[in-house]
C-alpha atoms as a PDB file:
ATOM      1  CA  VAL A   1       0.000   0.000   0.000  1.00  0.00           C
ATOM      2  CA  SER A   2       1.498   3.296  -1.007  1.00  0.00           C
ATOM      3  CA  THR A   3       1.671   6.072   1.554  1.00  0.00           C
ATOM      4  CA  GLN A   4      -0.439   8.350  -0.616  1.00  0.00           C
ATOM      5  CA  SER A   5      -3.264   5.835  -1.157  1.00  0.00           C
ATOM      6  CA  THR A   6      -3.361   5.073   2.576  1.00  0.00           C
ATOM      7  CA  TRP A   7      -3.363   8.803   3.190  1.00  0.00           C
ATOM      8  CA  GLY A   8      -6.267   9.207   0.756  1.00  0.00           C
ATOM      9  CA  PHE A   9      -8.319   6.596   2.559  1.00  0.00           C
ATOM     10  CA  GLN A  10      -7.589   8.030   5.992  1.00  0.00           C
ATOM     11  CA  LEU A  11      -8.274  11.481   4.644  1.00  0.00           C
ATOM     12  CA  LEU A  12     -11.834  10.593   3.733  1.00  0.00           C
ATOM     13  CA  MET A  13     -12.509   8.632   6.882  1.00  0.00           C
ATOM     14  CA  ASN A  14     -11.011  10.888   9.559  1.00  0.00           C
ATOM     15  CA  SER A  15     -10.658  14.458   8.338  1.00  0.00           C
ATOM     16  CA  ASP A  16     -12.663  17.600   8.815  1.00  0.00           C
ATOM     17  CA  PRO A  17     -13.506  18.576   5.207  1.00  0.00           C
ATOM     18  CA  THR A  18     -13.245  22.281   6.040  1.00  0.00           C
ATOM     19  CA  LYS A  19      -9.535  21.902   6.882  1.00  0.00           C
ATOM     20  CA  LEU A  20      -8.424  20.124   3.708  1.00  0.00           C
ATOM     21  CA  SER A  21      -6.152  21.661   1.085  1.00  0.00           C
ATOM     22  CA  THR A  22      -7.408  21.973  -2.498  1.00  0.00           C
ATOM     23  CA  GLU A  23      -5.459  18.848  -3.484  1.00  0.00           C
ATOM     24  CA  GLU A  24      -6.854  16.917  -0.552  1.00  0.00           C
ATOM     25  CA  LYS A  25     -10.396  18.020  -1.355  1.00  0.00           C
ATOM     26  CA  GLN A  26      -9.965  16.896  -4.964  1.00  0.00           C
ATOM     27  CA  LEU A  27      -8.666  13.503  -3.878  1.00  0.00           C
ATOM     28  CA  ALA A  28     -11.535  13.114  -1.407  1.00  0.00           C
ATOM     29  CA  GLU A  29     -14.044  14.089  -4.113  1.00  0.00           C
ATOM     30  CA  ASN A  30     -12.544  11.604  -6.584  1.00  0.00           C
ATOM     31  CA  PHE A  31     -12.637   8.804  -4.007  1.00  0.00           C
ATOM     32  CA  GLU A  32     -16.248   9.677  -3.206  1.00  0.00           C
ATOM     33  CA  THR A  33     -17.166   9.610  -6.896  1.00  0.00           C
ATOM     34  CA  ILE A  34     -15.434   6.260  -7.451  1.00  0.00           C
ATOM     35  CA  TYR A  35     -17.260   4.825  -4.444  1.00  0.00           C
ATOM     36  CA  SER A  36     -20.588   6.091  -5.833  1.00  0.00           C
ATOM     37  CA  ILE A  37     -19.859   4.656  -9.281  1.00  0.00           C
ATOM     38  CA  ILE A  38     -19.142   1.217  -7.823  1.00  0.00           C
ATOM     39  CA  ARG A  39     -22.342   1.231  -5.742  1.00  0.00           C
ATOM     40  CA  THR A  40     -24.428   2.489  -8.665  1.00  0.00           C
ATOM     41  CA  ILE A  41     -23.082  -0.122 -11.089  1.00  0.00           C
ATOM     42  CA  ASP A  42     -23.790  -2.814  -8.507  1.00  0.00           C
ATOM     43  CA  THR A  43     -27.390  -1.594  -8.200  1.00  0.00           C
ATOM     44  CA  LEU A  44     -27.749  -1.435 -11.996  1.00  0.00           C
ATOM     45  CA  GLU A  45     -26.494  -5.024 -12.232  1.00  0.00           C
ATOM     46  CA  TRP A  46     -29.098  -6.152  -9.722  1.00  0.00           C
ATOM     47  CA  THR A  47     -31.984  -4.321 -11.414  1.00  0.00           C
ATOM     48  CA  TYR A  48     -30.889  -5.635 -14.818  1.00  0.00           C
ATOM     49  CA  SER A  49     -30.681  -9.226 -13.578  1.00  0.00           C
ATOM     50  CA  LYS A  50     -34.190  -8.945 -12.079  1.00  0.00           C
ATOM     51  CA  GLY A  51     -35.699  -7.433 -15.248  1.00  0.00           C
ATOM     52  CA  ILE A  52     -36.567  -4.196 -13.444  1.00  0.00           C
ATOM     53  CA  ILE A  53     -34.666  -1.972 -15.864  1.00  0.00           C
ATOM     54  CA  LYS A  54     -34.821  -2.161 -19.637  1.00  0.00           C
ATOM     55  CA  PRO A  55     -31.687  -3.797 -21.069  1.00  0.00           C
ATOM     56  CA  VAL A  56     -30.938  -0.825 -23.316  1.00  0.00           C
ATOM     57  CA  ASP A  57     -31.253   1.601 -20.388  1.00  0.00           C
ATOM     58  CA  TYR A  58     -28.990  -0.600 -18.252  1.00  0.00           C
ATOM     59  CA  HIS A  59     -26.387  -0.665 -21.020  1.00  0.00           C
ATOM     60  CA  HIS A  60     -26.503   3.079 -21.577  1.00  0.00           C
ATOM     61  CA  GLU A  61     -26.219   4.015 -17.880  1.00  0.00           C
ATOM     62  CA  CYS A  62     -23.611   1.378 -17.058  1.00  0.00           C
ATOM     63  CA  GLU A  63     -21.480   2.362 -20.051  1.00  0.00           C
ATOM     64  CA  LYS A  64     -21.466   6.022 -18.926  1.00  0.00           C
ATOM     65  CA  LEU A  65     -20.376   5.031 -15.421  1.00  0.00           C
ATOM     66  CA  ILE A  66     -17.599   2.760 -16.711  1.00  0.00           C
ATOM     67  CA  LYS A  67     -16.230   5.620 -18.831  1.00  0.00           C
ATOM     68  CA  GLN A  68     -16.492   8.063 -15.932  1.00  0.00           C
ATOM     69  CA  TYR A  69     -14.630   5.621 -13.671  1.00  0.00           C
ATOM     70  CA  GLY A  70     -11.847   5.253 -16.257  1.00  0.00           C
ATOM     71  CA  VAL A  71     -11.354   9.005 -16.483  1.00  0.00           C
ATOM     72  CA  ILE A  72     -11.335   9.546 -12.723  1.00  0.00           C
ATOM     73  CA  GLU A  73      -9.123   6.542 -11.998  1.00  0.00           C
ATOM     74  CA  GLY A  74      -6.598   7.662 -14.611  1.00  0.00           C
ATOM     75  CA  ASN A  75      -6.482  11.196 -13.214  1.00  0.00           C
ATOM     76  CA  THR A  76      -6.374  10.381  -9.501  1.00  0.00           C
ATOM     77  CA  GLU A  77      -2.843  10.263  -8.213  1.00  0.00           C
ATOM     78  CA  GLY A  78      -2.786   8.032  -5.193  1.00  0.00           C
ATOM     79  CA  PHE A  79      -5.613   5.759  -6.307  1.00  0.00           C
ATOM     80  CA  PRO A  80      -4.660   2.362  -4.856  1.00  0.00           C
ATOM     81  CA  GLY A  81      -6.325   0.252  -7.554  1.00  0.00           C
ATOM     82  CA  LEU A  82      -9.858  -1.069  -7.726  1.00  0.00           C
ATOM     83  CA  GLU A  83      -9.468  -4.184  -5.591  1.00  0.00           C
ATOM     84  CA  GLN A  84      -7.624  -2.429  -2.792  1.00  0.00           C
ATOM     85  CA  PHE A  85     -10.048   0.512  -2.936  1.00  0.00           C
ATOM     86  CA  MET A  86     -13.018  -1.846  -2.602  1.00  0.00           C
ATOM     87  CA  ASN A  87     -11.355  -3.627   0.320  1.00  0.00           C
ATOM     88  CA  MET A  88     -10.561  -0.349   2.095  1.00  0.00           C
ATOM     89  CA  TYR A  89     -14.187   0.777   1.861  1.00  0.00           C
ATOM     90  CA  GLY A  90     -15.705  -2.617   2.684  1.00  0.00           C
ATOM     91  CA  ILE A  91     -17.420  -3.037  -0.676  1.00  0.00           C
ATOM     92  CA  GLN A  92     -15.485  -6.067  -1.901  1.00  0.00           C
ATOM     93  CA  SER A  93     -18.757  -8.024  -2.108  1.00  0.00           C
ATOM     94  CA  MET A  94     -19.815  -5.938  -5.130  1.00  0.00           C
ATOM     95  CA  LYS A  95     -18.256  -8.390  -7.552  1.00  0.00           C
ATOM     96  CA  SER A  96     -20.517  -7.543 -10.495  1.00  0.00           C
ATOM     97  CA  ALA A  97     -19.455  -3.918 -10.388  1.00  0.00           C
ATOM     98  CA  LYS A  98     -15.807  -4.929 -10.064  1.00  0.00           C
ATOM     99  CA  LYS A  99     -16.105  -7.208 -13.102  1.00  0.00           C
ATOM    100  CA  ARG A 100     -17.709  -4.455 -15.219  1.00  0.00           C
ATOM    101  CA  LEU A 101     -15.020  -1.953 -14.267  1.00  0.00           C
ATOM    102  CA  ILE A 102     -12.153  -4.387 -14.896  1.00  0.00           C
ATOM    103  CA  ASP A 103     -13.609  -5.644 -18.208  1.00  0.00           C
ATOM    104  CA  LYS A 104     -14.597  -2.085 -19.197  1.00  0.00           C
ATOM    105  CA  LYS A 105     -17.879  -3.325 -20.655  1.00  0.00           C
ATOM    106  CA  THR A 106     -21.443  -3.900 -19.530  1.00  0.00           C
ATOM    107  CA  GLY A 107     -23.243  -7.201 -19.192  1.00  0.00           C
ATOM    108  CA  TYR A 108     -25.651  -6.260 -21.974  1.00  0.00           C
ATOM    109  CA  SER A 109     -25.861  -8.983 -24.609  1.00  0.00           C
ATOM    110  CA  GLY A 110     -28.011  -7.139 -27.130  1.00  0.00           C
ATOM    111  CA  GLU A 111     -31.344  -8.578 -26.130  1.00  0.00           C
ATOM    112  CA  ASP A 112     -34.252  -6.242 -26.658  1.00  0.00           C
ATOM    113  CA  LYS A 113     -36.953  -8.077 -24.802  1.00  0.00           C
ATOM    114  CA  PRO A 114     -39.958  -6.427 -23.174  1.00  0.00           C
ATOM    115  CA  PHE A 115     -39.549  -4.789 -19.810  1.00  0.00           C
ATOM    116  CA  GLY A 116     -39.026  -7.662 -17.365  1.00  0.00           C
ATOM    117  CA  ILE A 117     -40.929 -10.905 -17.043  1.00  0.00           C
ATOM    118  CA  GLN A 118     -44.129  -8.973 -16.397  1.00  0.00           C
ATOM    119  CA  GLY A 119     -43.729  -7.286 -19.780  1.00  0.00           C
ATOM    120  CA  ILE A 120     -43.293 -10.622 -21.511  1.00  0.00           C
ATOM    121  CA  VAL A 121     -46.390 -12.089 -19.836  1.00  0.00           C
ATOM    122  CA  MET A 122     -48.446  -8.985 -20.642  1.00  0.00           C
ATOM    123  CA  ASP A 123     -47.393  -9.025 -24.302  1.00  0.00           C
ATOM    124  CA  ILE A 124     -48.298 -12.699 -24.674  1.00  0.00           C
ATOM    125  CA  THR A 125     -51.617 -12.171 -22.885  1.00  0.00           C
ATOM    126  CA  ARG A 126     -52.496  -9.169 -25.061  1.00  0.00           C
ATOM    127  CA  THR A 127     -51.703 -11.136 -28.215  1.00  0.00           C
ATOM    128  CA  LEU A 128     -53.771 -14.136 -27.139  1.00  0.00           C
ATOM    129  CA  LEU A 129     -56.703 -12.027 -25.974  1.00  0.00           C
ATOM    130  CA  ALA A 130     -56.717  -9.994 -29.162  1.00  0.00           C
ATOM    131  CA  ALA A 131     -56.785 -13.154 -31.307  1.00  0.00           C
ATOM    132  CA  ARG A 132     -59.532 -14.725 -29.159  1.00  0.00           C
ATOM    133  CA  ASP A 133     -61.627 -11.552 -29.234  1.00  0.00           C
ATOM    134  CA  ILE A 134     -61.428 -11.345 -33.019  1.00  0.00           C
ATOM    135  CA  PHE A 135     -62.354 -15.028 -33.344  1.00  0.00           C
ATOM    136  CA  CYS A 136     -65.322 -14.652 -30.962  1.00  0.00           C
ATOM    137  CA  LEU A 137     -66.498 -11.473 -32.628  1.00  0.00           C
ATOM    138  CA  LEU A 138     -66.568 -13.146 -36.026  1.00  0.00           C
ATOM    139  CA  TYR A 139     -68.586 -16.126 -34.855  1.00  0.00           C
ATOM    140  CA  THR A 140     -70.957 -14.496 -32.402  1.00  0.00           C
ATOM    141  CA  SER A 141     -71.894 -11.416 -34.397  1.00  0.00           C
ATOM    142  CA  PRO A 142     -75.105 -11.515 -36.367  1.00  0.00           C
ATOM    143  CA  SER A 143     -74.829 -11.923 -40.090  1.00  0.00           C
ATOM    144  CA  PRO A 144     -74.892  -8.554 -41.826  1.00  0.00           C
ATOM    145  CA  ARG A 145     -77.884  -9.807 -43.834  1.00  0.00           C
ATOM    146  CA  ASP A 146     -79.800 -11.331 -40.939  1.00  0.00           C
ATOM    147  CA  LEU A 147     -79.858  -9.187 -37.798  1.00  0.00           C
ATOM    148  CA  SER A 148     -82.104 -11.591 -35.890  1.00  0.00           C
ATOM    149  CA  THR A 149     -79.662 -14.529 -35.627  1.00  0.00           C
ATOM    150  CA  SER A 150     -76.175 -15.245 -34.359  1.00  0.00           C
ATOM    151  CA  ARG A 151     -73.552 -17.297 -36.176  1.00  0.00           C
ATOM    152  CA  MET A 152     -72.496 -18.978 -32.938  1.00  0.00           C
ATOM    153  CA  PRO A 153     -72.984 -22.742 -33.153  1.00  0.00           C
ATOM    154  CA  SER A 154     -75.709 -24.065 -30.876  1.00  0.00           C
ATOM    155  CA  SER A 155     -73.214 -26.290 -29.015  1.00  0.00           C
ATOM    156  CA  ALA A 156     -71.211 -23.269 -27.829  1.00  0.00           C
END
């Protein structure tokens, strides 16, 4: 562990923000942003895996965060590395976020399915109901020439 990265961690955990130098404030802000990115990506991964967020929206948001992380990490002198950072802040369990940041890509595989399992069920139900309604309408409506009778078979 470098002295500066340990200093950065201790800085965020134990310092009065009003007494920090400009450099220290910038480091603290960068660490805070990296922490937020990791937590947000982890939440996006969870919502994506549960079908709560649309795949395209997940991809778009996650991709922005991965790029933002890359810029901040590359410009933060004293950044200890992702694994050590996650260990220092007790977020090492966020393995999905770690994988996305290391791989520099989202988990999106190009699927454009309806919004979650509920969306799939609703689409299928709508399709089936629409077909059934059309079928029933055709066979239960009176003939255009004979308004007094139905075309529904007597066994129905």
